[in-house]
């Protein structure tokens, strides 16, 4: 039992390091930096859940080109307003104000 506890105590920090490294890599991605620069100009950020991304990919691409939406590296869609989210066929899951 002691061995399991010692092993767990040694492995938990390593698992945390892997998450930190993955986050670092995601933030270092040029696509993330560009998306962050776009979102800084918005008054609010709407997290938009789109059921079938492939069906509305063209709409999303147009919204991204118009600086009305961004897509992160995991495929999550963020829009400038709930109306934009609804026009993409999505539902608003959260709202955040930009400071």
N, C-alpha and C. Protein backbone atom coordinates (compact mmCIF):
# COMPACT_ATOMS: atom_id res chain seq x y z
N UNK A 1 0.82 -1.19 0.00
CA UNK A 1 0.00 0.00 0.00
C UNK A 1 0.87 1.25 0.00
N UNK A 2 1.96 1.21 0.79
CA UNK A 2 2.85 2.36 0.84
C UNK A 2 3.47 2.62 -0.53
N UNK A 3 3.80 1.55 -1.24
CA UNK A 3 4.42 1.70 -2.56
C UNK A 3 3.46 2.38 -3.53
N UNK A 4 2.19 2.03 -3.44
CA UNK A 4 1.20 2.64 -4.33
C UNK A 4 1.08 4.13 -4.03
N UNK A 5 1.05 4.48 -2.76
CA UNK A 5 0.94 5.89 -2.38
C UNK A 5 2.18 6.68 -2.81
N UNK A 6 3.34 6.10 -2.64
CA UNK A 6 4.58 6.77 -3.05
C UNK A 6 4.61 6.93 -4.57
N UNK A 7 4.22 5.89 -5.28
CA UNK A 7 4.18 5.94 -6.74
C UNK A 7 3.18 7.00 -7.22
N UNK A 8 2.02 7.05 -6.58
CA UNK A 8 1.01 8.05 -6.94
C UNK A 8 1.53 9.45 -6.67
N UNK A 9 2.20 9.63 -5.55
CA UNK A 9 2.75 10.95 -5.21
C UNK A 9 3.82 11.39 -6.21
N UNK A 10 4.54 10.45 -6.77
CA UNK A 10 5.56 10.78 -7.75
C UNK A 10 4.98 11.04 -9.14
N UNK A 11 3.90 10.34 -9.49
CA UNK A 11 3.34 10.45 -10.83
C UNK A 11 2.38 11.63 -11.01
N UNK A 12 1.72 12.05 -9.95
CA UNK A 12 0.77 13.16 -10.06
C UNK A 12 1.42 14.45 -10.57
N UNK A 13 2.57 14.85 -10.06
CA UNK A 13 3.19 16.06 -10.60
C UNK A 13 3.58 15.92 -12.07
N UNK A 14 3.97 14.73 -12.47
CA UNK A 14 4.34 14.51 -13.87
C UNK A 14 3.13 14.69 -14.77
N UNK A 15 1.98 14.19 -14.35
CA UNK A 15 0.75 14.36 -15.13
C UNK A 15 0.40 15.84 -15.23
N UNK A 16 0.60 16.60 -14.16
CA UNK A 16 0.36 18.04 -14.19
C UNK A 16 1.29 18.74 -15.15
N UNK A 17 2.54 18.31 -15.20
CA UNK A 17 3.52 18.90 -16.13
C UNK A 17 3.11 18.68 -17.58
N UNK A 18 2.57 17.51 -17.87
CA UNK A 18 2.13 17.21 -19.23
C UNK A 18 1.02 18.16 -19.65
N UNK A 19 0.10 18.46 -18.74
CA UNK A 19 -0.99 19.39 -19.05
C UNK A 19 -0.45 20.80 -19.27
N UNK A 20 0.52 21.19 -18.47
CA UNK A 20 1.12 22.52 -18.62
C UNK A 20 1.85 22.61 -19.96
N UNK A 21 2.57 21.56 -20.33
CA UNK A 21 3.28 21.56 -21.61
C UNK A 21 2.30 21.60 -22.78
N UNK A 22 1.18 20.89 -22.66
CA UNK A 22 0.18 20.91 -23.73
C UNK A 22 -0.44 22.29 -23.85
N UNK A 23 -0.70 22.94 -22.72
CA UNK A 23 -1.25 24.30 -22.74
C UNK A 23 -0.24 25.27 -23.34
N UNK A 24 1.03 25.12 -22.99
CA UNK A 24 2.07 25.97 -23.56
C UNK A 24 2.12 25.84 -25.08
N UNK A 25 2.05 24.60 -25.56
CA UNK A 25 2.08 24.37 -27.00
C UNK A 25 0.87 24.96 -27.69
N UNK A 26 -0.30 24.85 -27.04
CA UNK A 26 -1.51 25.41 -27.63
C UNK A 26 -1.44 26.93 -27.70
N UNK A 27 -0.92 27.55 -26.65
CA UNK A 27 -0.81 29.02 -26.64
C UNK A 27 0.27 29.51 -27.60
N UNK A 28 1.27 28.69 -27.86
CA UNK A 28 2.34 29.08 -28.78
C UNK A 28 1.93 28.94 -30.24
N UNK A 29 0.83 28.26 -30.49
CA UNK A 29 0.35 28.06 -31.86
C UNK A 29 0.00 29.43 -32.48
N UNK A 30 0.51 29.74 -33.66
CA UNK A 30 0.23 31.02 -34.30
C UNK A 30 -1.26 31.27 -34.50
N UNK A 31 -2.03 30.21 -34.71
CA UNK A 31 -3.47 30.34 -34.89
C UNK A 31 -4.12 30.86 -33.60
N UNK A 32 -3.63 30.40 -32.45
CA UNK A 32 -4.16 30.87 -31.17
C UNK A 32 -3.83 32.33 -30.95
N UNK A 33 -2.61 32.74 -31.29
CA UNK A 33 -2.20 34.13 -31.13
C UNK A 33 -3.04 35.05 -32.01
N UNK A 34 -3.31 34.63 -33.23
CA UNK A 34 -4.13 35.42 -34.14
C UNK A 34 -5.57 35.51 -33.61
N UNK A 35 -6.10 34.41 -33.13
CA UNK A 35 -7.46 34.41 -32.58
C UNK A 35 -7.56 35.32 -31.37
N UNK A 36 -6.56 35.30 -30.52
CA UNK A 36 -6.55 36.16 -29.34
C UNK A 36 -6.52 37.63 -29.73
N UNK A 37 -5.75 37.96 -30.74
CA UNK A 37 -5.67 39.35 -31.21
C UNK A 37 -7.02 39.82 -31.74
N UNK A 38 -7.74 38.95 -32.43
CA UNK A 38 -9.07 39.30 -32.94
C UNK A 38 -10.04 39.49 -31.78
N UNK A 39 -10.03 38.57 -30.84
CA UNK A 39 -10.98 38.60 -29.73
C UNK A 39 -10.77 39.80 -28.81
N UNK A 40 -9.55 40.33 -28.75
CA UNK A 40 -9.30 41.49 -27.89
C UNK A 40 -10.09 42.71 -28.34
N UNK A 41 -10.47 42.76 -29.63
CA UNK A 41 -11.24 43.88 -30.14
C UNK A 41 -12.74 43.76 -29.90
N UNK A 42 -13.19 42.64 -29.37
CA UNK A 42 -14.61 42.42 -29.13
C UNK A 42 -15.01 42.91 -27.75
N UNK A 43 -16.28 43.27 -27.57
CA UNK A 43 -16.79 43.68 -26.27
C UNK A 43 -17.12 42.46 -25.41
N UNK A 44 -17.48 41.38 -26.07
CA UNK A 44 -17.78 40.13 -25.36
C UNK A 44 -17.37 38.95 -26.22
N UNK A 45 -17.17 37.83 -25.56
CA UNK A 45 -16.86 36.58 -26.27
C UNK A 45 -17.97 35.60 -25.96
N UNK A 46 -18.58 35.06 -27.00
CA UNK A 46 -19.66 34.10 -26.86
C UNK A 46 -19.11 32.72 -27.24
N UNK A 47 -19.20 31.79 -26.31
CA UNK A 47 -18.82 30.42 -26.63
C UNK A 47 -20.02 29.77 -27.31
N UNK A 48 -19.78 29.26 -28.50
CA UNK A 48 -20.87 28.79 -29.36
C UNK A 48 -20.70 27.30 -29.62
N UNK A 49 -21.70 26.51 -29.27
CA UNK A 49 -21.64 25.07 -29.53
C UNK A 49 -22.39 24.79 -30.83
N UNK A 50 -21.64 24.34 -31.82
CA UNK A 50 -22.21 24.01 -33.13
C UNK A 50 -22.23 22.49 -33.25
N UNK A 51 -23.41 21.94 -33.50
CA UNK A 51 -23.58 20.49 -33.52
C UNK A 51 -22.82 19.83 -34.67
N UNK A 52 -22.92 20.38 -35.86
CA UNK A 52 -22.29 19.75 -37.02
C UNK A 52 -21.38 20.77 -37.70
N UNK A 53 -20.15 20.85 -37.24
CA UNK A 53 -19.20 21.83 -37.77
C UNK A 53 -18.98 21.69 -39.27
N UNK A 54 -18.92 20.46 -39.75
CA UNK A 54 -18.64 20.27 -41.17
C UNK A 54 -19.77 20.79 -42.05
N UNK A 55 -21.01 20.78 -41.56
CA UNK A 55 -22.14 21.25 -42.35
C UNK A 55 -22.13 22.77 -42.52
N UNK A 56 -21.57 23.47 -41.55
CA UNK A 56 -21.57 24.94 -41.62
C UNK A 56 -20.15 25.49 -41.72
N UNK A 57 -19.23 24.69 -42.18
CA UNK A 57 -17.82 25.10 -42.27
C UNK A 57 -17.65 26.36 -43.11
N UNK A 58 -18.38 26.46 -44.21
CA UNK A 58 -18.29 27.65 -45.07
C UNK A 58 -18.75 28.90 -44.35
N UNK A 59 -19.86 28.79 -43.59
CA UNK A 59 -20.36 29.93 -42.82
C UNK A 59 -19.35 30.34 -41.76
N UNK A 60 -18.78 29.36 -41.09
CA UNK A 60 -17.79 29.65 -40.04
C UNK A 60 -16.57 30.31 -40.65
N UNK A 61 -16.12 29.81 -41.78
CA UNK A 61 -14.96 30.40 -42.45
C UNK A 61 -15.23 31.85 -42.84
N UNK A 62 -16.43 32.13 -43.32
CA UNK A 62 -16.80 33.51 -43.66
C UNK A 62 -16.82 34.40 -42.42
N UNK A 63 -17.35 33.88 -41.32
CA UNK A 63 -17.40 34.65 -40.08
C UNK A 63 -16.00 34.91 -39.54
N UNK A 64 -15.12 33.93 -39.66
CA UNK A 64 -13.73 34.10 -39.23
C UNK A 64 -13.04 35.16 -40.09
N UNK A 65 -13.27 35.11 -41.39
CA UNK A 65 -12.67 36.09 -42.30
C UNK A 65 -13.15 37.51 -42.01
N UNK A 66 -14.39 37.63 -41.54
CA UNK A 66 -14.96 38.93 -41.21
C UNK A 66 -14.65 39.35 -39.77
N UNK A 67 -13.81 38.60 -39.07
CA UNK A 67 -13.46 38.86 -37.67
C UNK A 67 -14.68 38.85 -36.75
N UNK A 68 -15.66 38.01 -37.06
CA UNK A 68 -16.86 37.85 -36.23
C UNK A 68 -16.84 36.56 -35.44
N UNK A 69 -15.90 35.67 -35.77
CA UNK A 69 -15.79 34.39 -35.08
C UNK A 69 -14.34 33.93 -35.11
N UNK A 70 -14.01 33.08 -34.14
CA UNK A 70 -12.70 32.43 -34.12
C UNK A 70 -12.92 30.97 -33.75
N UNK A 71 -12.02 30.13 -34.18
CA UNK A 71 -12.06 28.71 -33.85
C UNK A 71 -10.72 28.37 -33.22
N UNK A 72 -10.76 27.78 -32.02
CA UNK A 72 -9.49 27.44 -31.37
C UNK A 72 -8.96 26.12 -31.92
N UNK A 73 -7.82 25.71 -31.41
CA UNK A 73 -7.16 24.52 -31.95
C UNK A 73 -7.91 23.23 -31.63
N UNK A 74 -8.87 23.30 -30.70
CA UNK A 74 -9.66 22.11 -30.37
C UNK A 74 -10.97 22.07 -31.15
N UNK A 75 -11.24 23.09 -31.97
CA UNK A 75 -12.47 23.12 -32.76
C UNK A 75 -13.60 23.86 -32.09
N UNK A 76 -13.35 24.44 -30.92
CA UNK A 76 -14.39 25.21 -30.23
C UNK A 76 -14.58 26.54 -30.95
N UNK A 77 -15.83 26.97 -31.12
CA UNK A 77 -16.15 28.19 -31.85
C UNK A 77 -16.50 29.30 -30.85
N UNK A 78 -15.90 30.47 -31.06
CA UNK A 78 -16.21 31.65 -30.26
C UNK A 78 -16.67 32.74 -31.22
N UNK A 79 -17.73 33.45 -30.85
CA UNK A 79 -18.25 34.50 -31.72
C UNK A 79 -18.34 35.82 -30.98
N UNK A 80 -18.57 36.88 -31.76
CA UNK A 80 -18.64 38.22 -31.20
C UNK A 80 -20.01 38.49 -30.56
N UNK A 81 -21.04 37.75 -30.95
CA UNK A 81 -22.37 37.95 -30.36
C UNK A 81 -23.19 36.67 -30.47
N UNK A 82 -24.29 36.65 -29.71
CA UNK A 82 -25.17 35.48 -29.76
C UNK A 82 -25.86 35.39 -31.12
N UNK A 83 -26.10 36.52 -31.78
CA UNK A 83 -26.72 36.51 -33.10
C UNK A 83 -25.83 35.81 -34.12
N UNK A 84 -24.53 36.06 -34.05
CA UNK A 84 -23.59 35.39 -34.96
C UNK A 84 -23.59 33.90 -34.68
N UNK A 85 -23.61 33.54 -33.41
CA UNK A 85 -23.64 32.12 -33.03
C UNK A 85 -24.88 31.45 -33.61
N UNK A 86 -26.03 32.09 -33.45
CA UNK A 86 -27.28 31.52 -33.97
C UNK A 86 -27.27 31.43 -35.49
N UNK A 87 -26.65 32.40 -36.15
CA UNK A 87 -26.59 32.35 -37.61
C UNK A 87 -25.72 31.20 -38.11
N UNK A 88 -24.83 30.72 -37.26
CA UNK A 88 -24.00 29.56 -37.60
C UNK A 88 -24.68 28.25 -37.23
N UNK A 89 -25.90 28.34 -36.71
CA UNK A 89 -26.63 27.14 -36.31
C UNK A 89 -26.22 26.62 -34.96
N UNK A 90 -25.60 27.47 -34.15
CA UNK A 90 -25.12 27.04 -32.84
C UNK A 90 -25.97 27.55 -31.70
N UNK A 91 -25.63 27.11 -30.50
CA UNK A 91 -26.29 27.59 -29.30
C UNK A 91 -25.23 28.16 -28.37
N UNK A 92 -25.59 29.24 -27.69
CA UNK A 92 -24.67 29.91 -26.77
C UNK A 92 -24.51 29.07 -25.52
N UNK A 93 -23.26 28.78 -25.17
CA UNK A 93 -23.00 28.01 -23.94
C UNK A 93 -22.43 28.90 -22.84
N UNK A 94 -21.82 30.04 -23.20
CA UNK A 94 -21.34 30.97 -22.17
C UNK A 94 -21.04 32.32 -22.80
N UNK A 95 -21.07 33.34 -21.96
CA UNK A 95 -20.75 34.71 -22.35
C UNK A 95 -19.66 35.25 -21.44
N UNK A 96 -18.70 35.94 -22.01
CA UNK A 96 -17.65 36.58 -21.21
C UNK A 96 -17.44 37.97 -21.74
N UNK A 97 -17.30 38.93 -20.83
CA UNK A 97 -16.97 40.28 -21.29
C UNK A 97 -15.45 40.40 -21.41
N UNK A 98 -15.02 41.19 -22.37
CA UNK A 98 -13.59 41.37 -22.61
C UNK A 98 -13.17 42.65 -21.90
N UNK A 99 -12.10 42.56 -21.14
CA UNK A 99 -11.62 43.73 -20.41
C UNK A 99 -10.32 44.21 -20.98
